[in-house]
């Protein structure tokens, strides 16, 4: 029997001008909040991730990439 997937934090990458990339896990709400902050323009945005707090300079963000599917290792019952 297939089990319903929990909707937990998603894997994402935040790319910055200059080429640096920060890999993070965040909830859908945190992603929405980050995108709203980016629409606002400049300044700093504090992002709570599973690994701790990340302060992002919004003026330096070049892209956000969200993983399309969960990465799994091993066997699955799907």
PDB file of N, CA and C in Angstrom:
ATOM      1  N   UNK A   1       0.842  -1.175   0.000  1.00  0.00           N
ATOM      2  CA  UNK A   1       0.000   0.000   0.000  1.00  0.00           C
ATOM      3  C   UNK A   1       0.886   1.237   0.000  1.00  0.00           C
ATOM      4  N   UNK A   2       0.598   2.146  -0.881  1.00  0.00           N
ATOM      5  CA  UNK A   2       1.380   3.386  -0.960  1.00  0.00           C
ATOM      6  C   UNK A   2       0.996   4.314   0.176  1.00  0.00           C
ATOM      7  N   UNK A   3       1.987   4.930   0.762  1.00  0.00           N
ATOM      8  CA  UNK A   3       1.745   5.865   1.845  1.00  0.00           C
ATOM      9  C   UNK A   3       1.786   7.278   1.294  1.00  0.00           C
ATOM     10  N   UNK A   4       0.988   8.159   1.918  1.00  0.00           N
ATOM     11  CA  UNK A   4       1.011   9.564   1.516  1.00  0.00           C
ATOM     12  C   UNK A   4       2.357  10.162   1.902  1.00  0.00           C
ATOM     13  N   UNK A   5       2.894  10.960   1.004  1.00  0.00           N
ATOM     14  CA  UNK A   5       4.172  11.604   1.281  1.00  0.00           C
ATOM     15  C   UNK A   5       3.966  12.778   2.228  1.00  0.00           C
ATOM     16  N   UNK A   6       4.855  12.907   3.188  1.00  0.00           N
ATOM     17  CA  UNK A   6       4.841  14.073   4.050  1.00  0.00           C
ATOM     18  C   UNK A   6       5.378  15.246   3.255  1.00  0.00           C
ATOM     19  N   UNK A   7       4.750  16.382   3.416  1.00  0.00           N
ATOM     20  CA  UNK A   7       5.235  17.580   2.737  1.00  0.00           C
ATOM     21  C   UNK A   7       6.138  18.323   3.705  1.00  0.00           C
ATOM     22  N   UNK A   8       7.400  17.987   3.667  1.00  0.00           N
ATOM     23  CA  UNK A   8       8.371  18.594   4.560  1.00  0.00           C
ATOM     24  C   UNK A   8       9.197  19.617   3.820  1.00  0.00           C
ATOM     25  N   UNK A   9      10.320  19.957   4.398  1.00  0.00           N
ATOM     26  CA  UNK A   9      11.203  20.930   3.738  1.00  0.00           C
ATOM     27  C   UNK A   9      11.664  20.444   2.371  1.00  0.00           C
ATOM     28  N   UNK A  10      11.788  21.384   1.452  1.00  0.00           N
ATOM     29  CA  UNK A  10      12.244  21.081   0.105  1.00  0.00           C
ATOM     30  C   UNK A  10      13.708  21.481  -0.035  1.00  0.00           C
ATOM     31  N   UNK A  11      14.409  20.758  -0.886  1.00  0.00           N
ATOM     32  CA  UNK A  11      15.788  21.117  -1.192  1.00  0.00           C
ATOM     33  C   UNK A  11      15.776  22.250  -2.205  1.00  0.00           C
ATOM     34  N   UNK A  12      16.623  23.226  -1.962  1.00  0.00           N
ATOM     35  CA  UNK A  12      16.728  24.359  -2.882  1.00  0.00           C
ATOM     36  C   UNK A  12      18.168  24.845  -2.914  1.00  0.00           C
ATOM     37  N   UNK A  13      18.495  25.532  -3.976  1.00  0.00           N
ATOM     38  CA  UNK A  13      19.795  26.175  -4.102  1.00  0.00           C
ATOM     39  C   UNK A  13      19.557  27.647  -4.379  1.00  0.00           C
ATOM     40  N   UNK A  14      20.288  28.489  -3.662  1.00  0.00           N
ATOM     41  CA  UNK A  14      20.219  29.927  -3.876  1.00  0.00           C
ATOM     42  C   UNK A  14      21.544  30.327  -4.513  1.00  0.00           C
ATOM     43  N   UNK A  15      21.470  30.830  -5.740  1.00  0.00           N
ATOM     44  CA  UNK A  15      22.666  31.228  -6.467  1.00  0.00           C
ATOM     45  C   UNK A  15      22.881  32.727  -6.358  1.00  0.00           C
ATOM     46  N   UNK A  16      24.136  33.106  -6.230  1.00  0.00           N
ATOM     47  CA  UNK A  16      24.486  34.509  -6.051  1.00  0.00           C
ATOM     48  C   UNK A  16      25.337  35.000  -7.214  1.00  0.00           C
ATOM     49  N   UNK A  17      25.267  36.306  -7.466  1.00  0.00           N
ATOM     50  CA  UNK A  17      26.159  36.887  -8.467  1.00  0.00           C
ATOM     51  C   UNK A  17      27.578  36.635  -7.983  1.00  0.00           C
ATOM     52  N   UNK A  18      28.437  36.227  -8.881  1.00  0.00           N
ATOM     53  CA  UNK A  18      29.790  35.843  -8.504  1.00  0.00           C
ATOM     54  C   UNK A  18      29.971  34.341  -8.529  1.00  0.00           C
ATOM     55  N   UNK A  19      28.862  33.587  -8.599  1.00  0.00           N
ATOM     56  CA  UNK A  19      28.946  32.150  -8.779  1.00  0.00           C
ATOM     57  C   UNK A  19      28.747  31.285  -7.552  1.00  0.00           C
ATOM     58  N   UNK A  20      28.690  31.854  -6.361  1.00  0.00           N
ATOM     59  CA  UNK A  20      28.482  31.031  -5.177  1.00  0.00           C
ATOM     60  C   UNK A  20      27.050  30.513  -5.134  1.00  0.00           C
ATOM     61  N   UNK A  21      26.887  29.302  -4.566  1.00  0.00           N
ATOM     62  CA  UNK A  21      25.576  28.687  -4.430  1.00  0.00           C
ATOM     63  C   UNK A  21      25.440  28.150  -3.014  1.00  0.00           C
ATOM     64  N   UNK A  22      24.306  28.438  -2.368  1.00  0.00           N
ATOM     65  CA  UNK A  22      24.016  27.909  -1.045  1.00  0.00           C
ATOM     66  C   UNK A  22      22.917  26.868  -1.187  1.00  0.00           C
ATOM     67  N   UNK A  23      23.198  25.628  -0.771  1.00  0.00           N
ATOM     68  CA  UNK A  23      22.192  24.564  -0.780  1.00  0.00           C
ATOM     69  C   UNK A  23      21.484  24.577   0.569  1.00  0.00           C
ATOM     70  N   UNK A  24      20.150  24.650   0.539  1.00  0.00           N
ATOM     71  CA  UNK A  24      19.364  24.743   1.772  1.00  0.00           C
ATOM     72  C   UNK A  24      18.142  23.829   1.677  1.00  0.00           C
ATOM     73  N   UNK A  25      17.544  23.578   2.831  1.00  0.00           N
ATOM     74  CA  UNK A  25      16.247  22.906   2.898  1.00  0.00           C
ATOM     75  C   UNK A  25      15.301  23.868   3.597  1.00  0.00           C
ATOM     76  N   UNK A  26      14.176  24.164   2.942  1.00  0.00           N
ATOM     77  CA  UNK A  26      13.216  25.098   3.525  1.00  0.00           C
ATOM     78  C   UNK A  26      11.795  24.674   3.201  1.00  0.00           C
ATOM     79  N   UNK A  27      10.865  25.137   4.014  1.00  0.00           N
ATOM     80  CA  UNK A  27       9.458  24.817   3.806  1.00  0.00           C
ATOM     81  C   UNK A  27       8.903  25.669   2.669  1.00  0.00           C
ATOM     82  N   UNK A  28       7.716  25.307   2.223  1.00  0.00           N
ATOM     83  CA  UNK A  28       7.056  26.069   1.161  1.00  0.00           C
ATOM     84  C   UNK A  28       6.797  27.500   1.620  1.00  0.00           C
ATOM     85  N   UNK A  29       6.439  27.687   2.889  1.00  0.00           N
ATOM     86  CA  UNK A  29       6.196  29.031   3.412  1.00  0.00           C
ATOM     87  C   UNK A  29       7.480  29.850   3.419  1.00  0.00           C
ATOM     88  N   UNK A  30       8.582  29.239   3.802  1.00  0.00           N
ATOM     89  CA  UNK A  30       9.860  29.952   3.791  1.00  0.00           C
ATOM     90  C   UNK A  30      10.245  30.346   2.368  1.00  0.00           C
ATOM     91  N   UNK A  31       9.959  29.470   1.409  1.00  0.00           N
ATOM     92  CA  UNK A  31      10.237  29.781   0.005  1.00  0.00           C
ATOM     93  C   UNK A  31       9.385  30.962  -0.450  1.00  0.00           C
ATOM     94  N   UNK A  32       8.110  30.954  -0.084  1.00  0.00           N
ATOM     95  CA  UNK A  32       7.214  32.058  -0.437  1.00  0.00           C
ATOM     96  C   UNK A  32       7.705  33.364   0.174  1.00  0.00           C
ATOM     97  N   UNK A  33       8.117  33.311   1.440  1.00  0.00           N
ATOM     98  CA  UNK A  33       8.621  34.508   2.116  1.00  0.00           C
ATOM     99  C   UNK A  33       9.886  35.041   1.436  1.00  0.00           C
ATOM    100  N   UNK A  34      10.772  34.136   1.035  1.00  0.00           N
ATOM    101  CA  UNK A  34      11.999  34.550   0.355  1.00  0.00           C
ATOM    102  C   UNK A  34      11.668  35.214  -0.983  1.00  0.00           C
ATOM    103  N   UNK A  35      10.752  34.631  -1.721  1.00  0.00           N
ATOM    104  CA  UNK A  35      10.386  35.216  -3.019  1.00  0.00           C
ATOM    105  C   UNK A  35       9.746  36.587  -2.853  1.00  0.00           C
ATOM    106  N   UNK A  36       8.918  36.753  -1.819  1.00  0.00           N
ATOM    107  CA  UNK A  36       8.323  38.066  -1.550  1.00  0.00           C
ATOM    108  C   UNK A  36       9.410  39.078  -1.204  1.00  0.00           C
ATOM    109  N   UNK A  37      10.380  38.658  -0.406  1.00  0.00           N
ATOM    110  CA  UNK A  37      11.484  39.548  -0.047  1.00  0.00           C
ATOM    111  C   UNK A  37      12.275  39.945  -1.291  1.00  0.00           C
ATOM    112  N   UNK A  38      12.484  38.982  -2.201  1.00  0.00           N
ATOM    113  CA  UNK A  38      13.209  39.286  -3.439  1.00  0.00           C
ATOM    114  C   UNK A  38      12.438  40.279  -4.304  1.00  0.00           C
ATOM    115  N   UNK A  39      11.108  40.168  -4.309  1.00  0.00           N
ATOM    116  CA  UNK A  39      10.292  41.132  -5.057  1.00  0.00           C
ATOM    117  C   UNK A  39      10.461  42.533  -4.497  1.00  0.00           C
ATOM    118  N   UNK A  40      10.716  42.614  -3.177  1.00  0.00           N
ATOM    119  CA  UNK A  40      10.890  43.906  -2.517  1.00  0.00           C
ATOM    120  C   UNK A  40      12.200  44.577  -2.863  1.00  0.00           C
ATOM    121  N   UNK A  41      13.165  43.787  -3.338  1.00  0.00           N
ATOM    122  CA  UNK A  41      14.397  44.404  -3.794  1.00  0.00           C
ATOM    123  C   UNK A  41      15.615  44.139  -2.954  1.00  0.00           C
ATOM    124  N   UNK A  42      16.083  45.142  -2.237  1.00  0.00           N
ATOM    125  CA  UNK A  42      17.389  45.088  -1.605  1.00  0.00           C
ATOM    126  C   UNK A  42      17.287  44.863  -0.102  1.00  0.00           C
ATOM    127  N   UNK A  43      18.451  44.717   0.499  1.00  0.00           N
ATOM    128  CA  UNK A  43      18.523  44.517   1.940  1.00  0.00           C
ATOM    129  C   UNK A  43      18.850  43.068   2.256  1.00  0.00           C
ATOM    130  N   UNK A  44      18.727  42.746   3.507  1.00  0.00           N
ATOM    131  CA  UNK A  44      19.034  41.402   3.985  1.00  0.00           C
ATOM    132  C   UNK A  44      17.764  40.680   4.375  1.00  0.00           C
ATOM    133  N   UNK A  45      17.759  39.362   4.169  1.00  0.00           N
ATOM    134  CA  UNK A  45      16.629  38.512   4.552  1.00  0.00           C
ATOM    135  C   UNK A  45      17.188  37.344   5.357  1.00  0.00           C
ATOM    136  N   UNK A  46      16.661  37.147   6.560  1.00  0.00           N
ATOM    137  CA  UNK A  46      17.073  36.021   7.393  1.00  0.00           C
ATOM    138  C   UNK A  46      16.184  34.836   7.086  1.00  0.00           C
ATOM    139  N   UNK A  47      16.804  33.719   6.791  1.00  0.00           N
ATOM    140  CA  UNK A  47      16.106  32.508   6.394  1.00  0.00           C
ATOM    141  C   UNK A  47      16.450  31.405   7.386  1.00  0.00           C
ATOM    142  N   UNK A  48      15.440  30.880   8.068  1.00  0.00           N
ATOM    143  CA  UNK A  48      15.652  29.760   8.984  1.00  0.00           C
ATOM    144  C   UNK A  48      15.606  28.471   8.166  1.00  0.00           C
ATOM    145  N   UNK A  49      16.677  27.724   8.186  1.00  0.00           N
ATOM    146  CA  UNK A  49      16.752  26.464   7.456  1.00  0.00           C
ATOM    147  C   UNK A  49      16.938  25.335   8.454  1.00  0.00           C
ATOM    148  N   UNK A  50      16.914  24.098   7.982  1.00  0.00           N
ATOM    149  CA  UNK A  50      17.155  22.956   8.859  1.00  0.00           C
ATOM    150  C   UNK A  50      18.548  23.007   9.468  1.00  0.00           C
ATOM    151  N   UNK A  51      19.476  23.660   8.768  1.00  0.00           N
ATOM    152  CA  UNK A  51      20.865  23.725   9.231  1.00  0.00           C
ATOM    153  C   UNK A  51      21.162  24.949  10.079  1.00  0.00           C
ATOM    154  N   UNK A  52      20.215  25.845  10.232  1.00  0.00           N
ATOM    155  CA  UNK A  52      20.423  27.066  11.006  1.00  0.00           C
ATOM    156  C   UNK A  52      19.983  28.281  10.226  1.00  0.00           C
ATOM    157  N   UNK A  53      20.304  29.446  10.743  1.00  0.00           N
ATOM    158  CA  UNK A  53      19.895  30.695  10.110  1.00  0.00           C
ATOM    159  C   UNK A  53      20.876  31.093   9.017  1.00  0.00           C
ATOM    160  N   UNK A  54      20.324  31.516   7.892  1.00  0.00           N
ATOM    161  CA  UNK A  54      21.120  31.995   6.761  1.00  0.00           C
ATOM    162  C   UNK A  54      20.654  33.410   6.456  1.00  0.00           C
ATOM    163  N   UNK A  55      21.572  34.360   6.481  1.00  0.00           N
ATOM    164  CA  UNK A  55      21.257  35.742   6.123  1.00  0.00           C
ATOM    165  C   UNK A  55      21.657  35.951   4.673  1.00  0.00           C
ATOM    166  N   UNK A  56      20.701  36.393   3.860  1.00  0.00           N
ATOM    167  CA  UNK A  56      20.900  36.515   2.419  1.00  0.00           C
ATOM    168  C   UNK A  56      20.844  37.983   2.011  1.00  0.00           C
ATOM    169  N   UNK A  57      21.861  38.435   1.281  1.00  0.00           N
ATOM    170  CA  UNK A  57      21.863  39.773   0.697  1.00  0.00           C
ATOM    171  C   UNK A  57      21.017  39.692  -0.577  1.00  0.00           C
ATOM    172  N   UNK A  58      19.807  40.225  -0.517  1.00  0.00           N
ATOM    173  CA  UNK A  58      18.853  40.078  -1.615  1.00  0.00           C
ATOM    174  C   UNK A  58      19.358  40.674  -2.928  1.00  0.00           C
ATOM    175  N   UNK A  59      20.176  41.703  -2.845  1.00  0.00           N
ATOM    176  CA  UNK A  59      20.691  42.337  -4.063  1.00  0.00           C
ATOM    177  C   UNK A  59      21.655  41.426  -4.808  1.00  0.00           C
ATOM    178  N   UNK A  60      22.184  40.402  -4.158  1.00  0.00           N
ATOM    179  CA  UNK A  60      23.175  39.516  -4.770  1.00  0.00           C
ATOM    180  C   UNK A  60      22.582  38.199  -5.281  1.00  0.00           C
ATOM    181  N   UNK A  61      21.278  37.943  -5.032  1.00  0.00           N
ATOM    182  CA  UNK A  61      20.670  36.684  -5.454  1.00  0.00           C
ATOM    183  C   UNK A  61      20.452  36.690  -6.961  1.00  0.00           C
ATOM    184  N   UNK A  62      20.984  35.661  -7.634  1.00  0.00           N
ATOM    185  CA  UNK A  62      20.851  35.539  -9.081  1.00  0.00           C
ATOM    186  C   UNK A  62      19.743  34.551  -9.455  1.00  0.00           C
ATOM    187  N   UNK A  63      19.576  33.491  -8.650  1.00  0.00           N
ATOM    188  CA  UNK A  63      18.538  32.500  -8.947  1.00  0.00           C
ATOM    189  C   UNK A  63      18.199  31.681  -7.710  1.00  0.00           C
ATOM    190  N   UNK A  64      17.036  31.028  -7.779  1.00  0.00           N
ATOM    191  CA  UNK A  64      16.636  30.021  -6.793  1.00  0.00           C
ATOM    192  C   UNK A  64      16.238  28.789  -7.579  1.00  0.00           C
ATOM    193  N   UNK A  65      16.837  27.670  -7.258  1.00  0.00           N
ATOM    194  CA  UNK A  65      16.502  26.401  -7.920  1.00  0.00           C
ATOM    195  C   UNK A  65      15.908  25.468  -6.865  1.00  0.00           C
ATOM    196  N   UNK A  66      14.693  24.974  -7.131  1.00  0.00           N
ATOM    197  CA  UNK A  66      14.032  24.043  -6.215  1.00  0.00           C
ATOM    198  C   UNK A  66      14.091  22.660  -6.833  1.00  0.00           C
ATOM    199  N   UNK A  67      14.477  21.658  -6.039  1.00  0.00           N
ATOM    200  CA  UNK A  67      14.581  20.282  -6.532  1.00  0.00           C
ATOM    201  C   UNK A  67      13.206  19.803  -6.993  1.00  0.00           C
ATOM    202  N   UNK A  68      13.181  19.144  -8.140  1.00  0.00           N
ATOM    203  CA  UNK A  68      11.922  18.671  -8.718  1.00  0.00           C
ATOM    204  C   UNK A  68      11.358  17.471  -7.959  1.00  0.00           C
ATOM    205  N   UNK A  69      12.214  16.583  -7.492  1.00  0.00           N
ATOM    206  CA  UNK A  69      11.762  15.397  -6.782  1.00  0.00           C
ATOM    207  C   UNK A  69      12.667  15.136  -5.594  1.00  0.00           C
ATOM    208  N   UNK A  70      12.159  14.318  -4.680  1.00  0.00           N
ATOM    209  CA  UNK A  70      12.972  13.912  -3.536  1.00  0.00           C
ATOM    210  C   UNK A  70      14.088  13.009  -4.010  1.00  0.00           C
ATOM    211  N   UNK A  71      15.264  13.196  -3.461  1.00  0.00           N
ATOM    212  CA  UNK A  71      16.381  12.307  -3.741  1.00  0.00           C
ATOM    213  C   UNK A  71      16.294  11.128  -2.777  1.00  0.00           C
ATOM    214  N   UNK A  72      16.402   9.924  -3.281  1.00  0.00           N
ATOM    215  CA  UNK A  72      16.298   8.742  -2.435  1.00  0.00           C
ATOM    216  C   UNK A  72      17.486   7.838  -2.687  1.00  0.00           C
ATOM    217  N   UNK A  73      17.880   7.166  -1.637  1.00  0.00           N
ATOM    218  CA  UNK A  73      18.947   6.182  -1.730  1.00  0.00           C
ATOM    219  C   UNK A  73      18.365   4.861  -1.257  1.00  0.00           C
ATOM    220  N   UNK A  74      18.598   3.811  -2.010  1.00  0.00           N
ATOM    221  CA  UNK A  74      18.100   2.498  -1.598  1.00  0.00           C
ATOM    222  C   UNK A  74      16.799   2.147  -2.276  1.00  0.00           C
ATOM    223  N   UNK A  75      16.048   1.287  -1.623  1.00  0.00           N
ATOM    224  CA  UNK A  75      14.811   0.776  -2.200  1.00  0.00           C
ATOM    225  C   UNK A  75      13.622   1.606  -1.769  1.00  0.00           C
ATOM    226  N   UNK A  76      12.601   1.594  -2.587  1.00  0.00           N
ATOM    227  CA  UNK A  76      11.372   2.308  -2.292  1.00  0.00           C
ATOM    228  C   UNK A  76      10.217   1.343  -2.470  1.00  0.00           C
ATOM    229  N   UNK A  77       9.128   1.574  -1.753  1.00  0.00           N
ATOM    230  CA  UNK A  77       7.960   0.710  -1.873  1.00  0.00           C
ATOM    231  C   UNK A  77       6.944   1.302  -2.841  1.00  0.00           C
ATOM    232  N   UNK A  78       7.358   2.253  -3.661  1.00  0.00           N
ATOM    233  CA  UNK A  78       6.438   2.872  -4.619  1.00  0.00           C
ATOM    234  C   UNK A  78       6.280   2.033  -5.859  1.00  0.00           C
TER     235      UNK A  78
END
